[in-house]
PDB file of N, CA and C in Angstrom:
ATOM      1  N   MET A   1       0.891  -1.113   0.009  1.00  0.00           N
ATOM      2  CA  MET A   1      -0.011  -0.031   0.014  1.00  0.00           C
ATOM      3  C   MET A   1       0.966   1.217  -0.060  1.00  0.00           C
ATOM      4  N   LYS A   2       0.704   1.960  -1.092  1.00  0.00           N
ATOM      5  CA  LYS A   2       1.542   3.293  -1.094  1.00  0.00           C
ATOM      6  C   LYS A   2       0.770   4.307  -0.564  1.00  0.00           C
ATOM      7  N   LYS A   3       1.426   5.312   0.175  1.00  0.00           N
ATOM      8  CA  LYS A   3       0.762   6.320   0.939  1.00  0.00           C
ATOM      9  C   LYS A   3       1.223   7.731   0.310  1.00  0.00           C
ATOM     10  N   TYR A   4       0.182   8.753   0.274  1.00  0.00           N
ATOM     11  CA  TYR A   4       0.586  10.078  -0.172  1.00  0.00           C
ATOM     12  C   TYR A   4       1.388  10.702   0.991  1.00  0.00           C
ATOM     13  N   TYR A   5       0.954  10.654   2.295  1.00  0.00           N
ATOM     14  CA  TYR A   5       1.791  11.053   3.502  1.00  0.00           C
ATOM     15  C   TYR A   5       1.870   9.997   4.459  1.00  0.00           C
ATOM     16  N   PRO A   6       2.986   9.333   4.517  1.00  0.00           N
ATOM     17  CA  PRO A   6       3.269   8.288   5.504  1.00  0.00           C
ATOM     18  C   PRO A   6       3.031   8.720   6.978  1.00  0.00           C
ATOM     19  N   GLU A   7       3.336  10.132   7.251  1.00  0.00           N
ATOM     20  CA  GLU A   7       3.124  10.541   8.665  1.00  0.00           C
ATOM     21  C   GLU A   7       1.581  10.392   9.188  1.00  0.00           C
ATOM     22  N   LEU A   8       0.675  10.442   8.269  1.00  0.00           N
ATOM     23  CA  LEU A   8      -0.664  10.311   8.536  1.00  0.00           C
ATOM     24  C   LEU A   8      -1.072   8.918   9.212  1.00  0.00           C
ATOM     25  N   GLU A   9      -0.296   7.884   9.051  1.00  0.00           N
ATOM     26  CA  GLU A   9      -0.519   6.708   9.819  1.00  0.00           C
ATOM     27  C   GLU A   9      -0.464   6.607  11.334  1.00  0.00           C
ATOM     28  N   SER A  10       0.588   7.500  11.698  1.00  0.00           N
ATOM     29  CA  SER A  10       0.782   7.671  13.243  1.00  0.00           C
ATOM     30  C   SER A  10      -0.337   8.502  13.766  1.00  0.00           C
ATOM     31  N   VAL A  11      -0.872   9.424  13.071  1.00  0.00           N
ATOM     32  CA  VAL A  11      -1.906  10.205  13.397  1.00  0.00           C
ATOM     33  C   VAL A  11      -3.153   9.354  13.513  1.00  0.00           C
ATOM     34  N   SER A  12      -3.331   8.490  12.635  1.00  0.00           N
ATOM     35  CA  SER A  12      -4.612   7.553  12.734  1.00  0.00           C
ATOM     36  C   SER A  12      -4.444   6.583  13.809  1.00  0.00           C
ATOM     37  N   ASP A  13      -3.059   6.185  14.285  1.00  0.00           N
ATOM     38  CA  ASP A  13      -2.867   5.546  15.392  1.00  0.00           C
ATOM     39  C   ASP A  13      -3.402   6.161  16.622  1.00  0.00           C
ATOM     40  N   VAL A  14      -3.089   7.373  16.684  1.00  0.00           N
ATOM     41  CA  VAL A  14      -3.338   8.111  17.940  1.00  0.00           C
ATOM     42  C   VAL A  14      -4.897   8.372  18.122  1.00  0.00           C
ATOM     43  N   LEU A  15      -5.553   8.670  16.954  1.00  0.00           N
ATOM     44  CA  LEU A  15      -6.922   8.813  16.971  1.00  0.00           C
ATOM     45  C   LEU A  15      -7.685   7.646  17.369  1.00  0.00           C
ATOM     46  N   GLU A  16      -7.239   6.577  17.059  1.00  0.00           N
ATOM     47  CA  GLU A  16      -7.789   5.142  17.522  1.00  0.00           C
ATOM     48  C   GLU A  16      -7.764   4.805  18.850  1.00  0.00           C
ATOM     49  N   CYS A  17      -6.736   5.481  19.510  1.00  0.00           N
ATOM     50  CA  CYS A  17      -6.681   5.484  21.069  1.00  0.00           C
ATOM     51  C   CYS A  17      -7.736   6.159  21.858  1.00  0.00           C
ATOM     52  N   ILE A  18      -8.218   7.231  21.221  1.00  0.00           N
ATOM     53  CA  ILE A  18      -9.256   8.019  21.783  1.00  0.00           C
ATOM     54  C   ILE A  18     -10.636   7.105  21.936  1.00  0.00           C
ATOM     55  N   PRO A  19     -11.240   7.163  23.215  1.00  0.00           N
ATOM     56  CA  PRO A  19     -12.305   6.404  23.325  1.00  0.00           C
ATOM     57  C   PRO A  19     -13.545   7.199  22.940  1.00  0.00           C
ATOM     58  N   HIS A  20     -13.871   7.305  21.670  1.00  0.00           N
ATOM     59  CA  HIS A  20     -14.889   8.142  21.137  1.00  0.00           C
ATOM     60  C   HIS A  20     -15.387   7.254  19.781  1.00  0.00           C
ATOM     61  N   HIS A  21     -16.678   7.006  19.514  1.00  0.00           N
ATOM     62  CA  HIS A  21     -17.056   6.184  18.379  1.00  0.00           C
ATOM     63  C   HIS A  21     -16.710   6.923  17.140  1.00  0.00           C
ATOM     64  N   GLN A  22     -16.659   8.184  17.019  1.00  0.00           N
ATOM     65  CA  GLN A  22     -16.265   8.811  15.772  1.00  0.00           C
ATOM     66  C   GLN A  22     -14.883   8.884  15.315  1.00  0.00           C
ATOM     67  N   THR A  23     -14.040   8.821  16.441  1.00  0.00           N
ATOM     68  CA  THR A  23     -12.545   8.940  15.947  1.00  0.00           C
ATOM     69  C   THR A  23     -12.033   7.712  15.347  1.00  0.00           C
ATOM     70  N   GLN A  24     -12.659   6.573  15.394  1.00  0.00           N
ATOM     71  CA  GLN A  24     -12.357   5.423  14.719  1.00  0.00           C
ATOM     72  C   GLN A  24     -12.684   5.507  13.249  1.00  0.00           C
ATOM     73  N   SER A  25     -13.909   6.131  12.991  1.00  0.00           N
ATOM     74  CA  SER A  25     -14.242   6.390  11.751  1.00  0.00           C
ATOM     75  C   SER A  25     -13.361   7.384  10.839  1.00  0.00           C
ATOM     76  N   ILE A  26     -13.042   8.206  11.707  1.00  0.00           N
ATOM     77  CA  ILE A  26     -12.067   9.266  11.236  1.00  0.00           C
ATOM     78  C   ILE A  26     -10.623   8.554  10.768  1.00  0.00           C
ATOM     79  N   ALA A  27     -10.203   7.974  11.836  1.00  0.00           N
ATOM     80  CA  ALA A  27      -8.922   7.224  11.694  1.00  0.00           C
ATOM     81  C   ALA A  27      -8.971   6.434  10.358  1.00  0.00           C
ATOM     82  N   ASN A  28     -10.035   5.575  10.108  1.00  0.00           N
ATOM     83  CA  ASN A  28     -10.235   4.825   9.013  1.00  0.00           C
ATOM     84  C   ASN A  28     -10.163   5.704   7.755  1.00  0.00           C
ATOM     85  N   ALA A  29     -11.050   6.689   7.781  1.00  0.00           N
ATOM     86  CA  ALA A  29     -11.026   7.615   6.527  1.00  0.00           C
ATOM     87  C   ALA A  29      -9.808   8.161   6.080  1.00  0.00           C
ATOM     88  N   ILE A  30      -9.010   8.457   7.162  1.00  0.00           N
ATOM     89  CA  ILE A  30      -7.662   9.146   6.921  1.00  0.00           C
ATOM     90  C   ILE A  30      -6.733   7.939   6.294  1.00  0.00           C
ATOM     91  N   ARG A  31      -6.888   6.779   6.721  1.00  0.00           N
ATOM     92  CA  ARG A  31      -6.126   5.659   6.136  1.00  0.00           C
ATOM     93  C   ARG A  31      -6.503   5.262   4.728  1.00  0.00           C
ATOM     94  N   VAL A  32      -7.890   5.279   4.314  1.00  0.00           N
ATOM     95  CA  VAL A  32      -8.353   5.086   3.069  1.00  0.00           C
ATOM     96  C   VAL A  32      -8.016   6.189   2.057  1.00  0.00           C
ATOM     97  N   CYS A  33      -8.139   7.378   2.599  1.00  0.00           N
ATOM     98  CA  CYS A  33      -7.974   8.545   1.703  1.00  0.00           C
ATOM     99  C   CYS A  33      -6.390   8.634   1.507  1.00  0.00           C
ATOM    100  N   ASN A  34      -5.686   8.189   2.311  1.00  0.00           N
ATOM    101  CA  ASN A  34      -4.160   8.416   2.083  1.00  0.00           C
ATOM    102  C   ASN A  34      -3.489   7.232   1.426  1.00  0.00           C
ATOM    103  N   ASP A  35      -4.243   6.351   1.142  1.00  0.00           N
ATOM    104  CA  ASP A  35      -3.790   5.128   0.192  1.00  0.00           C
ATOM    105  C   ASP A  35      -3.930   5.558  -1.258  1.00  0.00           C
ATOM    106  N   MET A  36      -2.912   5.394  -1.971  1.00  0.00           N
ATOM    107  CA  MET A  36      -2.693   5.663  -3.444  1.00  0.00           C
ATOM    108  C   MET A  36      -3.470   4.684  -4.328  1.00  0.00           C
ATOM    109  N   ASP A  37      -3.661   3.622  -3.768  1.00  0.00           N
ATOM    110  CA  ASP A  37      -4.143   2.288  -4.457  1.00  0.00           C
ATOM    111  C   ASP A  37      -5.704   2.514  -4.448  1.00  0.00           C
ATOM    112  N   SER A  38      -6.253   3.164  -3.560  1.00  0.00           N
ATOM    113  CA  SER A  38      -7.712   3.228  -3.432  1.00  0.00           C
ATOM    114  C   SER A  38      -8.342   4.005  -4.332  1.00  0.00           C
ATOM    115  N   ASP A  39      -9.593   3.606  -5.064  1.00  0.00           N
ATOM    116  CA  ASP A  39     -10.107   4.294  -6.084  1.00  0.00           C
ATOM    117  C   ASP A  39     -11.158   5.476  -5.114  1.00  0.00           C
ATOM    118  N   ASN A  40     -11.512   6.335  -6.077  1.00  0.00           N
ATOM    119  CA  ASN A  40     -12.191   7.609  -5.607  1.00  0.00           C
ATOM    120  C   ASN A  40     -13.562   7.237  -4.993  1.00  0.00           C
ATOM    121  N   VAL A  41     -14.299   6.179  -5.344  1.00  0.00           N
ATOM    122  CA  VAL A  41     -15.549   5.703  -4.724  1.00  0.00           C
ATOM    123  C   VAL A  41     -15.239   5.349  -3.417  1.00  0.00           C
ATOM    124  N   THR A  42     -14.215   4.451  -3.228  1.00  0.00           N
ATOM    125  CA  THR A  42     -13.952   4.079  -1.821  1.00  0.00           C
ATOM    126  C   THR A  42     -13.506   5.239  -0.878  1.00  0.00           C
ATOM    127  N   LYS A  43     -12.833   6.137  -1.298  1.00  0.00           N
ATOM    128  CA  LYS A  43     -12.613   7.291  -0.612  1.00  0.00           C
ATOM    129  C   LYS A  43     -13.582   8.021  -0.238  1.00  0.00           C
ATOM    130  N   VAL A  44     -14.589   8.335  -1.067  1.00  0.00           N
ATOM    131  CA  VAL A  44     -15.751   8.981  -0.891  1.00  0.00           C
ATOM    132  C   VAL A  44     -16.570   8.270   0.260  1.00  0.00           C
ATOM    133  N   CYS A  45     -16.853   6.849   0.106  1.00  0.00           N
ATOM    134  CA  CYS A  45     -17.593   6.190   1.036  1.00  0.00           C
ATOM    135  C   CYS A  45     -17.033   6.394   2.448  1.00  0.00           C
ATOM    136  N   ALA A  46     -15.720   6.304   2.534  1.00  0.00           N
ATOM    137  CA  ALA A  46     -15.095   6.399   3.833  1.00  0.00           C
ATOM    138  C   ALA A  46     -15.391   7.807   4.524  1.00  0.00           C
ATOM    139  N   VAL A  47     -15.416   8.703   3.673  1.00  0.00           N
ATOM    140  CA  VAL A  47     -15.675  10.126   4.271  1.00  0.00           C
ATOM    141  C   VAL A  47     -16.961  10.216   4.452  1.00  0.00           C
ATOM    142  N   LEU A  48     -17.894   9.743   3.706  1.00  0.00           N
ATOM    143  CA  LEU A  48     -19.452   9.810   4.077  1.00  0.00           C
ATOM    144  C   LEU A  48     -19.769   9.003   5.330  1.00  0.00           C
ATOM    145  N   LYS A  49     -19.132   7.930   5.689  1.00  0.00           N
ATOM    146  CA  LYS A  49     -19.210   7.366   6.923  1.00  0.00           C
ATOM    147  C   LYS A  49     -18.918   8.042   8.082  1.00  0.00           C
ATOM    148  N   VAL A  50     -17.859   9.042   8.000  1.00  0.00           N
ATOM    149  CA  VAL A  50     -17.465   9.880   9.045  1.00  0.00           C
ATOM    150  C   VAL A  50     -18.659  11.024   9.229  1.00  0.00           C
ATOM    151  N   ILE A  51     -19.091  11.462   8.072  1.00  0.00           N
ATOM    152  CA  ILE A  51     -20.188  12.547   8.096  1.00  0.00           C
ATOM    153  C   ILE A  51     -21.515  12.053   8.640  1.00  0.00           C
ATOM    154  N   LEU A  52     -22.033  10.862   8.140  1.00  0.00           N
ATOM    155  CA  LEU A  52     -23.045  10.374   8.759  1.00  0.00           C
ATOM    156  C   LEU A  52     -22.982   9.619   9.934  1.00  0.00           C
TER     157      LEU A  52
END
């Protein structure tokens, strides 16, 4: 998995440690959107899960 910004992986790890239901969705969206191999539909779905 190639990443646009490798530093965002550590940000996602920190967010997952926060005990709030929304931070796990945000961490997942960061990982999906940072992945160069993910298609745009997958990225949009990950962001929509955070919004909804």
